[in-house]
Amino acid sequence: SARYADSVKGRFTISRDNAKNTVYLQMNSLKPEDTA
């Protein structure tokens, strides 16, 4: 189950590969305010 900040909903996608112990964040339609 995933949850997102309102500011990134519809643009960012989080996913998790348990076999690799890895979490990913796909960020699309990036905006200057995403700078951090």
PDB file of all heavy atoms in Angstrom:
ATOM      1  N   SER A   1       0.841  -1.189   0.000  1.00  0.00           N
ATOM      2  CA  SER A   1       0.000   0.000   0.000  1.00  0.00           C
ATOM      3  C   SER A   1       0.877   1.240   0.000  1.00  0.00           C
ATOM      4  O   SER A   1       1.753   1.400   0.848  1.00  0.00           O
ATOM      5  CB  SER A   1      -0.898   0.002   1.227  1.00  0.00           C
ATOM      6  OG  SER A   1      -1.680   1.173   1.273  1.00  0.00           O
ATOM      7  N   ALA A   2       0.618   2.127  -0.947  1.00  0.00           N
ATOM      8  CA  ALA A   2       1.443   3.325  -1.109  1.00  0.00           C
ATOM      9  C   ALA A   2       0.656   4.572  -0.725  1.00  0.00           C
ATOM     10  O   ALA A   2      -0.573   4.616  -0.835  1.00  0.00           O
ATOM     11  CB  ALA A   2       1.919   3.448  -2.548  1.00  0.00           C
ATOM     12  N   ARG A   3       1.379   5.545  -0.273  1.00  0.00           N
ATOM     13  CA  ARG A   3       0.781   6.857  -0.048  1.00  0.00           C
ATOM     14  C   ARG A   3       1.713   7.920  -0.605  1.00  0.00           C
ATOM     15  O   ARG A   3       2.932   7.729  -0.658  1.00  0.00           O
ATOM     16  CB  ARG A   3       0.491   7.104   1.427  1.00  0.00           C
ATOM     17  CG  ARG A   3       1.698   7.047   2.352  1.00  0.00           C
ATOM     18  CD  ARG A   3       1.282   7.328   3.780  1.00  0.00           C
ATOM     19  NE  ARG A   3       2.394   7.264   4.699  1.00  0.00           N
ATOM     20  CZ  ARG A   3       2.614   8.167   5.649  1.00  0.00           C
ATOM     21  NH1 ARG A   3       1.793   9.201   5.798  1.00  0.00           N
ATOM     22  NH2 ARG A   3       3.639   8.045   6.468  1.00  0.00           N
ATOM     23  N   TYR A   4       1.111   9.022  -1.022  1.00  0.00           N
ATOM     24  CA  TYR A   4       1.837  10.079  -1.700  1.00  0.00           C
ATOM     25  C   TYR A   4       1.488  11.449  -1.122  1.00  0.00           C
ATOM     26  O   TYR A   4       0.356  11.672  -0.667  1.00  0.00           O
ATOM     27  CB  TYR A   4       1.475  10.102  -3.194  1.00  0.00           C
ATOM     28  CG  TYR A   4       1.876   8.874  -3.959  1.00  0.00           C
ATOM     29  CD1 TYR A   4       1.023   7.781  -4.070  1.00  0.00           C
ATOM     30  CD2 TYR A   4       3.116   8.813  -4.596  1.00  0.00           C
ATOM     31  CE1 TYR A   4       1.383   6.659  -4.776  1.00  0.00           C
ATOM     32  CE2 TYR A   4       3.488   7.685  -5.311  1.00  0.00           C
ATOM     33  CZ  TYR A   4       2.617   6.613  -5.397  1.00  0.00           C
ATOM     34  OH  TYR A   4       2.988   5.503  -6.115  1.00  0.00           O
ATOM     35  N   ALA A   5       2.449  12.346  -1.212  1.00  0.00           N
ATOM     36  CA  ALA A   5       2.145  13.743  -0.934  1.00  0.00           C
ATOM     37  C   ALA A   5       1.201  14.249  -2.028  1.00  0.00           C
ATOM     38  O   ALA A   5       1.311  13.839  -3.190  1.00  0.00           O
ATOM     39  CB  ALA A   5       3.423  14.571  -0.928  1.00  0.00           C
ATOM     40  N   ASP A   6       0.296  15.117  -1.668  1.00  0.00           N
ATOM     41  CA  ASP A   6      -0.660  15.644  -2.652  1.00  0.00           C
ATOM     42  C   ASP A   6       0.058  16.299  -3.826  1.00  0.00           C
ATOM     43  O   ASP A   6      -0.405  16.229  -4.970  1.00  0.00           O
ATOM     44  CB  ASP A   6      -1.594  16.657  -1.987  1.00  0.00           C
ATOM     45  CG  ASP A   6      -2.605  16.007  -1.066  1.00  0.00           C
ATOM     46  OD1 ASP A   6      -2.805  14.783  -1.173  1.00  0.00           O
ATOM     47  OD2 ASP A   6      -3.186  16.730  -0.239  1.00  0.00           O
ATOM     48  N   SER A   7       1.188  16.899  -3.550  1.00  0.00           N
ATOM     49  CA  SER A   7       1.897  17.652  -4.588  1.00  0.00           C
ATOM     50  C   SER A   7       2.501  16.774  -5.673  1.00  0.00           C
ATOM     51  O   SER A   7       2.864  17.284  -6.745  1.00  0.00           O
ATOM     52  CB  SER A   7       2.993  18.503  -3.952  1.00  0.00           C
ATOM     53  OG  SER A   7       3.917  17.689  -3.259  1.00  0.00           O
ATOM     54  N   VAL A   8       2.595  15.468  -5.419  1.00  0.00           N
ATOM     55  CA  VAL A   8       3.223  14.589  -6.409  1.00  0.00           C
ATOM     56  C   VAL A   8       2.259  13.548  -6.970  1.00  0.00           C
ATOM     57  O   VAL A   8       2.627  12.804  -7.875  1.00  0.00           O
ATOM     58  CB  VAL A   8       4.467  13.886  -5.828  1.00  0.00           C
ATOM     59  CG1 VAL A   8       5.438  14.909  -5.240  1.00  0.00           C
ATOM     60  CG2 VAL A   8       4.103  12.820  -4.823  1.00  0.00           C
ATOM     61  N   LYS A   9       1.057  13.490  -6.449  1.00  0.00           N
ATOM     62  CA  LYS A   9       0.089  12.497  -6.931  1.00  0.00           C
ATOM     63  C   LYS A   9      -0.143  12.657  -8.427  1.00  0.00           C
ATOM     64  O   LYS A   9      -0.338  13.762  -8.923  1.00  0.00           O
ATOM     65  CB  LYS A   9      -1.233  12.643  -6.176  1.00  0.00           C
ATOM     66  CG  LYS A   9      -1.199  12.091  -4.772  1.00  0.00           C
ATOM     67  CD  LYS A   9      -2.551  12.265  -4.071  1.00  0.00           C
ATOM     68  CE  LYS A   9      -2.497  11.728  -2.653  1.00  0.00           C
ATOM     69  NZ  LYS A   9      -3.776  11.960  -1.923  1.00  0.00           N
ATOM     70  N   GLY A  10      -0.132  11.535  -9.119  1.00  0.00           N
ATOM     71  CA  GLY A  10      -0.335  11.555 -10.554  1.00  0.00           C
ATOM     72  C   GLY A  10       0.932  11.785 -11.362  1.00  0.00           C
ATOM     73  O   GLY A  10       0.934  11.618 -12.583  1.00  0.00           O
ATOM     74  N   ARG A  11       2.005  12.165 -10.683  1.00  0.00           N
ATOM     75  CA  ARG A  11       3.272  12.407 -11.373  1.00  0.00           C
ATOM     76  C   ARG A  11       4.367  11.429 -10.931  1.00  0.00           C
ATOM     77  O   ARG A  11       5.218  11.041 -11.737  1.00  0.00           O
ATOM     78  CB  ARG A  11       3.757  13.838 -11.119  1.00  0.00           C
ATOM     79  CG  ARG A  11       2.792  14.917 -11.593  1.00  0.00           C
ATOM     80  CD  ARG A  11       3.431  16.319 -11.483  1.00  0.00           C
ATOM     81  NE  ARG A  11       3.753  16.673 -10.097  1.00  0.00           N
ATOM     82  CZ  ARG A  11       4.964  17.003  -9.688  1.00  0.00           C
ATOM     83  NH1 ARG A  11       5.993  17.009 -10.534  1.00  0.00           N
ATOM     84  NH2 ARG A  11       5.174  17.332  -8.416  1.00  0.00           N
ATOM     85  N   PHE A  12       4.365  11.072  -9.658  1.00  0.00           N
ATOM     86  CA  PHE A  12       5.385  10.187  -9.110  1.00  0.00           C
ATOM     87  C   PHE A  12       4.770   8.820  -8.814  1.00  0.00           C
ATOM     88  O   PHE A  12       3.592   8.722  -8.421  1.00  0.00           O
ATOM     89  CB  PHE A  12       5.951  10.744  -7.805  1.00  0.00           C
ATOM     90  CG  PHE A  12       6.775  11.995  -7.944  1.00  0.00           C
ATOM     91  CD1 PHE A  12       6.843  12.711  -9.129  1.00  0.00           C
ATOM     92  CD2 PHE A  12       7.501  12.479  -6.860  1.00  0.00           C
ATOM     93  CE1 PHE A  12       7.600  13.872  -9.242  1.00  0.00           C
ATOM     94  CE2 PHE A  12       8.266  13.624  -6.950  1.00  0.00           C
ATOM     95  CZ  PHE A  12       8.301  14.319  -8.139  1.00  0.00           C
ATOM     96  N   THR A  13       5.588   7.785  -8.967  1.00  0.00           N
ATOM     97  CA  THR A  13       5.156   6.438  -8.639  1.00  0.00           C
ATOM     98  C   THR A  13       6.236   5.745  -7.820  1.00  0.00           C
ATOM     99  O   THR A  13       7.397   5.695  -8.245  1.00  0.00           O
ATOM    100  CB  THR A  13       4.876   5.616  -9.902  1.00  0.00           C
ATOM    101  OG1 THR A  13       3.886   6.276 -10.704  1.00  0.00           O
ATOM    102  CG2 THR A  13       4.381   4.224  -9.542  1.00  0.00           C
ATOM    103  N   ILE A  14       5.841   5.217  -6.674  1.00  0.00           N
ATOM    104  CA  ILE A  14       6.781   4.461  -5.850  1.00  0.00           C
ATOM    105  C   ILE A  14       6.544   2.979  -6.074  1.00  0.00           C
ATOM    106  O   ILE A  14       5.400   2.538  -6.248  1.00  0.00           O
ATOM    107  CB  ILE A  14       6.632   4.833  -4.356  1.00  0.00           C
ATOM    108  CG1 ILE A  14       7.786   4.246  -3.547  1.00  0.00           C
ATOM    109  CG2 ILE A  14       5.273   4.408  -3.799  1.00  0.00           C
ATOM    110  CD1 ILE A  14       7.867   4.790  -2.122  1.00  0.00           C
ATOM    111  N   SER A  15       7.616   2.222  -6.108  1.00  0.00           N
ATOM    112  CA  SER A  15       7.508   0.780  -6.237  1.00  0.00           C
ATOM    113  C   SER A  15       8.611   0.134  -5.406  1.00  0.00           C
ATOM    114  O   SER A  15       9.613   0.774  -5.066  1.00  0.00           O
ATOM    115  CB  SER A  15       7.608   0.351  -7.700  1.00  0.00           C
ATOM    116  OG  SER A  15       8.847   0.734  -8.262  1.00  0.00           O
ATOM    117  N   ARG A  16       8.397  -1.131  -5.123  1.00  0.00           N
ATOM    118  CA  ARG A  16       9.306  -1.826  -4.219  1.00  0.00           C
ATOM    119  C   ARG A  16       9.557  -3.219  -4.745  1.00  0.00           C
ATOM    120  O   ARG A  16       8.629  -3.927  -5.101  1.00  0.00           O
ATOM    121  CB  ARG A  16       8.669  -1.861  -2.831  1.00  0.00           C
ATOM    122  CG  ARG A  16       9.436  -2.540  -1.739  1.00  0.00           C
ATOM    123  CD  ARG A  16       8.712  -2.331  -0.420  1.00  0.00           C
ATOM    124  NE  ARG A  16       9.210  -3.194   0.610  1.00  0.00           N
ATOM    125  CZ  ARG A  16       8.767  -3.208   1.868  1.00  0.00           C
ATOM    126  NH1 ARG A  16       7.814  -2.363   2.231  1.00  0.00           N
ATOM    127  NH2 ARG A  16       9.271  -4.032   2.751  1.00  0.00           N
ATOM    128  N   ASP A  17      10.815  -3.605  -4.791  1.00  0.00           N
ATOM    129  CA  ASP A  17      11.220  -4.949  -5.177  1.00  0.00           C
ATOM    130  C   ASP A  17      11.770  -5.622  -3.931  1.00  0.00           C
ATOM    131  O   ASP A  17      12.918  -5.379  -3.543  1.00  0.00           O
ATOM    132  CB  ASP A  17      12.261  -4.879  -6.294  1.00  0.00           C
ATOM    133  CG  ASP A  17      12.624  -6.247  -6.834  1.00  0.00           C
ATOM    134  OD1 ASP A  17      12.480  -7.243  -6.106  1.00  0.00           O
ATOM    135  OD2 ASP A  17      13.081  -6.305  -7.993  1.00  0.00           O
ATOM    136  N   ASN A  18      10.973  -6.447  -3.304  1.00  0.00           N
ATOM    137  CA  ASN A  18      11.390  -7.064  -2.042  1.00  0.00           C
ATOM    138  C   ASN A  18      12.560  -8.026  -2.229  1.00  0.00           C
ATOM    139  O   ASN A  18      13.399  -8.156  -1.337  1.00  0.00           O
ATOM    140  CB  ASN A  18      10.211  -7.787  -1.401  1.00  0.00           C
ATOM    141  CG  ASN A  18       9.165  -6.820  -0.883  1.00  0.00           C
ATOM    142  OD1 ASN A  18       9.488  -5.703  -0.475  1.00  0.00           O
ATOM    143  ND2 ASN A  18       7.912  -7.222  -0.910  1.00  0.00           N
ATOM    144  N   ALA A  19      12.611  -8.673  -3.371  1.00  0.00           N
ATOM    145  CA  ALA A  19      13.709  -9.616  -3.621  1.00  0.00           C
ATOM    146  C   ALA A  19      15.053  -8.895  -3.667  1.00  0.00           C
ATOM    147  O   ALA A  19      16.089  -9.464  -3.312  1.00  0.00           O
ATOM    148  CB  ALA A  19      13.464 -10.366  -4.914  1.00  0.00           C
ATOM    149  N   LYS A  20      15.028  -7.643  -4.104  1.00  0.00           N
ATOM    150  CA  LYS A  20      16.268  -6.860  -4.211  1.00  0.00           C
ATOM    151  C   LYS A  20      16.413  -5.858  -3.073  1.00  0.00           C
ATOM    152  O   LYS A  20      17.380  -5.098  -3.042  1.00  0.00           O
ATOM    153  CB  LYS A  20      16.299  -6.116  -5.542  1.00  0.00           C
ATOM    154  CG  LYS A  20      16.331  -7.017  -6.766  1.00  0.00           C
ATOM    155  CD  LYS A  20      16.394  -6.197  -8.045  1.00  0.00           C
ATOM    156  CE  LYS A  20      16.460  -7.099  -9.270  1.00  0.00           C
ATOM    157  NZ  LYS A  20      16.512  -6.311 -10.521  1.00  0.00           N
ATOM    158  N   ASN A  21      15.434  -5.848  -2.162  1.00  0.00           N
ATOM    159  CA  ASN A  21      15.451  -4.878  -1.057  1.00  0.00           C
ATOM    160  C   ASN A  21      15.617  -3.450  -1.575  1.00  0.00           C
ATOM    161  O   ASN A  21      16.373  -2.653  -1.003  1.00  0.00           O
ATOM    162  CB  ASN A  21      16.558  -5.204  -0.050  1.00  0.00           C
ATOM    163  CG  ASN A  21      16.313  -6.499   0.675  1.00  0.00           C
ATOM    164  OD1 ASN A  21      15.170  -6.852   0.955  1.00  0.00           O
ATOM    165  ND2 ASN A  21      17.375  -7.232   0.957  1.00  0.00           N
ATOM    166  N   THR A  22      14.915  -3.157  -2.645  1.00  0.00           N
ATOM    167  CA  THR A  22      15.078  -1.873  -3.310  1.00  0.00           C
ATOM    168  C   THR A  22      13.726  -1.179  -3.465  1.00  0.00           C
ATOM    169  O   THR A  22      12.726  -1.821  -3.786  1.00  0.00           O
ATOM    170  CB  THR A  22      15.730  -2.067  -4.690  1.00  0.00           C
ATOM    171  OG1 THR A  22      17.023  -2.648  -4.512  1.00  0.00           O
ATOM    172  CG2 THR A  22      15.884  -0.735  -5.414  1.00  0.00           C
ATOM    173  N   VAL A  23      13.750   0.114  -3.244  1.00  0.00           N
ATOM    174  CA  VAL A  23      12.569   0.937  -3.486  1.00  0.00           C
ATOM    175  C   VAL A  23      12.917   1.963  -4.557  1.00  0.00           C
ATOM    176  O   VAL A  23      14.026   2.508  -4.570  1.00  0.00           O
ATOM    177  CB  VAL A  23      12.068   1.613  -2.189  1.00  0.00           C
ATOM    178  CG1 VAL A  23      13.102   2.549  -1.589  1.00  0.00           C
ATOM    179  CG2 VAL A  23      10.736   2.312  -2.412  1.00  0.00           C
ATOM    180  N   TYR A  24      11.972   2.187  -5.455  1.00  0.00           N
ATOM    181  CA  TYR A  24      12.168   3.091  -6.572  1.00  0.00           C
ATOM    182  C   TYR A  24      11.179   4.250  -6.493  1.00  0.00           C
ATOM    183  O   TYR A  24      10.081   4.105  -5.961  1.00  0.00           O
ATOM    184  CB  TYR A  24      11.953   2.356  -7.898  1.00  0.00           C
ATOM    185  CG  TYR A  24      12.808   1.139  -8.082  1.00  0.00           C
ATOM    186  CD1 TYR A  24      12.329  -0.127  -7.752  1.00  0.00           C
ATOM    187  CD2 TYR A  24      14.101   1.240  -8.592  1.00  0.00           C
ATOM    188  CE1 TYR A  24      13.106  -1.258  -7.912  1.00  0.00           C
ATOM    189  CE2 TYR A  24      14.896   0.113  -8.760  1.00  0.00           C
ATOM    190  CZ  TYR A  24      14.387  -1.130  -8.426  1.00  0.00           C
ATOM    191  OH  TYR A  24      15.165  -2.237  -8.586  1.00  0.00           O
ATOM    192  N   LEU A  25      11.576   5.360  -7.056  1.00  0.00           N
ATOM    193  CA  LEU A  25      10.657   6.489  -7.195  1.00  0.00           C
ATOM    194  C   LEU A  25      10.772   7.002  -8.627  1.00  0.00           C
ATOM    195  O   LEU A  25      11.779   7.612  -8.995  1.00  0.00           O
ATOM    196  CB  LEU A  25      10.983   7.608  -6.204  1.00  0.00           C
ATOM    197  CG  LEU A  25       9.993   8.772  -6.201  1.00  0.00           C
ATOM    198  CD1 LEU A  25       8.644   8.322  -5.632  1.00  0.00           C
ATOM    199  CD2 LEU A  25      10.540   9.945  -5.375  1.00  0.00           C
ATOM    200  N   GLN A  26       9.761   6.709  -9.410  1.00  0.00           N
ATOM    201  CA  GLN A  26       9.709   7.212 -10.779  1.00  0.00           C
ATOM    202  C   GLN A  26       9.051   8.583 -10.739  1.00  0.00           C
ATOM    203  O   GLN A  26       7.899   8.710 -10.307  1.00  0.00           O
ATOM    204  CB  GLN A  26       8.920   6.264 -11.670  1.00  0.00           C
ATOM    205  CG  GLN A  26       8.749   6.748 -13.095  1.00  0.00           C
ATOM    206  CD  GLN A  26      10.066   6.860 -13.847  1.00  0.00           C
ATOM    207  OE1 GLN A  26      10.926   5.974 -13.724  1.00  0.00           O
ATOM    208  NE2 GLN A  26      10.240   7.933 -14.606  1.00  0.00           N
ATOM    209  N   MET A  27       9.785   9.580 -11.185  1.00  0.00           N
ATOM    210  CA  MET A  27       9.295  10.956 -11.141  1.00  0.00           C
ATOM    211  C   MET A  27       9.118  11.478 -12.556  1.00  0.00           C
ATOM    212  O   MET A  27      10.090  11.570 -13.312  1.00  0.00           O
ATOM    213  CB  MET A  27      10.280  11.836 -10.369  1.00  0.00           C
ATOM    214  CG  MET A  27      10.593  11.319  -8.969  1.00  0.00           C
ATOM    215  SD  MET A  27      11.616  12.439  -8.007  1.00  0.00           S
ATOM    216  CE  MET A  27      13.159  12.334  -8.918  1.00  0.00           C
ATOM    217  N   ASN A  28       7.893  11.781 -12.911  1.00  0.00           N
ATOM    218  CA  ASN A  28       7.566  12.307 -14.230  1.00  0.00           C
ATOM    219  C   ASN A  28       7.018  13.728 -14.109  1.00  0.00           C
ATOM    220  O   ASN A  28       6.614  14.163 -13.030  1.00  0.00           O
ATOM    221  CB  ASN A  28       6.538  11.416 -14.915  1.00  0.00           C
ATOM    222  CG  ASN A  28       7.029  10.014 -15.147  1.00  0.00           C
ATOM    223  OD1 ASN A  28       8.228   9.781 -15.362  1.00  0.00           O
ATOM    224  ND2 ASN A  28       6.122   9.051 -15.101  1.00  0.00           N
ATOM    225  N   SER A  29       7.008  14.413 -15.224  1.00  0.00           N
ATOM    226  CA  SER A  29       6.468  15.783 -15.267  1.00  0.00           C
ATOM    227  C   SER A  29       7.046  16.642 -14.149  1.00  0.00           C
ATOM    228  O   SER A  29       6.335  17.345 -13.428  1.00  0.00           O
ATOM    229  CB  SER A  29       4.935  15.756 -15.157  1.00  0.00           C
ATOM    230  OG  SER A  29       4.368  14.986 -16.196  1.00  0.00           O
ATOM    231  N   LEU A  30       8.344  16.584 -14.032  1.00  0.00           N
ATOM    232  CA  LEU A  30       9.004  17.298 -12.944  1.00  0.00           C
ATOM    233  C   LEU A  30       8.860  18.800 -13.077  1.00  0.00           C
ATOM    234  O   LEU A  30       8.842  19.353 -14.187  1.00  0.00           O
ATOM    235  CB  LEU A  30      10.474  16.904 -12.891  1.00  0.00           C
ATOM    236  CG  LEU A  30      10.731  15.536 -12.243  1.00  0.00           C
ATOM    237  CD1 LEU A  30      12.081  14.978 -12.645  1.00  0.00           C
ATOM    238  CD2 LEU A  30      10.616  15.648 -10.725  1.00  0.00           C
ATOM    239  N   LYS A  31       8.755  19.450 -11.927  1.00  0.00           N
ATOM    240  CA  LYS A  31       8.577  20.896 -11.865  1.00  0.00           C
ATOM    241  C   LYS A  31       9.742  21.510 -11.069  1.00  0.00           C
ATOM    242  O   LYS A  31      10.356  20.824 -10.244  1.00  0.00           O
ATOM    243  CB  LYS A  31       7.269  21.224 -11.139  1.00  0.00           C
ATOM    244  CG  LYS A  31       6.027  20.598 -11.745  1.00  0.00           C
ATOM    245  CD  LYS A  31       4.803  20.889 -10.882  1.00  0.00           C
ATOM    246  CE  LYS A  31       3.557  20.249 -11.453  1.00  0.00           C
ATOM    247  NZ  LYS A  31       2.360  20.512 -10.603  1.00  0.00           N
ATOM    248  N   PRO A  32      10.014  22.778 -11.279  1.00  0.00           N
ATOM    249  CA  PRO A  32      11.088  23.416 -10.497  1.00  0.00           C
ATOM    250  C   PRO A  32      10.880  23.264  -8.982  1.00  0.00           C
ATOM    251  O   PRO A  32      11.861  23.138  -8.240  1.00  0.00           O
ATOM    252  CB  PRO A  32      11.002  24.874 -10.936  1.00  0.00           C
ATOM    253  CG  PRO A  32      10.488  24.809 -12.340  1.00  0.00           C
ATOM    254  CD  PRO A  32       9.498  23.673 -12.330  1.00  0.00           C
ATOM    255  N   GLU A  33       9.645  23.255  -8.541  1.00  0.00           N
ATOM    256  CA  GLU A  33       9.380  23.116  -7.102  1.00  0.00           C
ATOM    257  C   GLU A  33       9.659  21.716  -6.566  1.00  0.00           C
ATOM    258  O   GLU A  33       9.584  21.496  -5.360  1.00  0.00           O
ATOM    259  CB  GLU A  33       7.936  23.528  -6.764  1.00  0.00           C
ATOM    260  CG  GLU A  33       6.881  22.873  -7.626  1.00  0.00           C
ATOM    261  CD  GLU A  33       6.436  23.757  -8.777  1.00  0.00           C
ATOM    262  OE1 GLU A  33       7.309  24.379  -9.430  1.00  0.00           O
ATOM    263  OE2 GLU A  33       5.217  23.809  -9.029  1.00  0.00           O
ATOM    264  N   ASP A  34       9.977  20.781  -7.440  1.00  0.00           N
ATOM    265  CA  ASP A  34      10.407  19.454  -6.997  1.00  0.00           C
ATOM    266  C   ASP A  34      11.894  19.430  -6.638  1.00  0.00           C
ATOM    267  O   ASP A  34      12.395  18.420  -6.137  1.00  0.00           O
ATOM    268  CB  ASP A  34      10.151  18.412  -8.088  1.00  0.00           C
ATOM    269  CG  ASP A  34       8.669  18.210  -8.368  1.00  0.00           C
ATOM    270  OD1 ASP A  34       7.882  18.139  -7.397  1.00  0.00           O
ATOM    271  OD2 ASP A  34       8.301  18.114  -9.559  1.00  0.00           O
ATOM    272  N   THR A  35      12.575  20.523  -6.898  1.00  0.00           N
ATOM    273  CA  THR A  35      13.996  20.598  -6.576  1.00  0.00           C
ATOM    274  C   THR A  35      14.217  20.451  -5.073  1.00  0.00           C
ATOM    275  O   THR A  35      13.615  21.165  -4.271  1.00  0.00           O
ATOM    276  CB  THR A  35      14.576  21.949  -7.050  1.00  0.00           C
ATOM    277  OG1 THR A  35      14.506  22.006  -8.475  1.00  0.00           O
ATOM    278  CG2 THR A  35      16.020  22.110  -6.606  1.00  0.00           C
ATOM    279  N   ALA A  36      15.048  19.492  -4.717  1.00  0.00           N
ATOM    280  CA  ALA A  36      15.297  19.198  -3.303  1.00  0.00           C
ATOM    281  C   ALA A  36      16.342  18.090  -3.209  1.00  0.00           C
ATOM    282  O   ALA A  36      16.697  17.470  -4.214  1.00  0.00           O
ATOM    283  CB  ALA A  36      14.014  18.745  -2.606  1.00  0.00           C
TER     284      ALA A  36
END
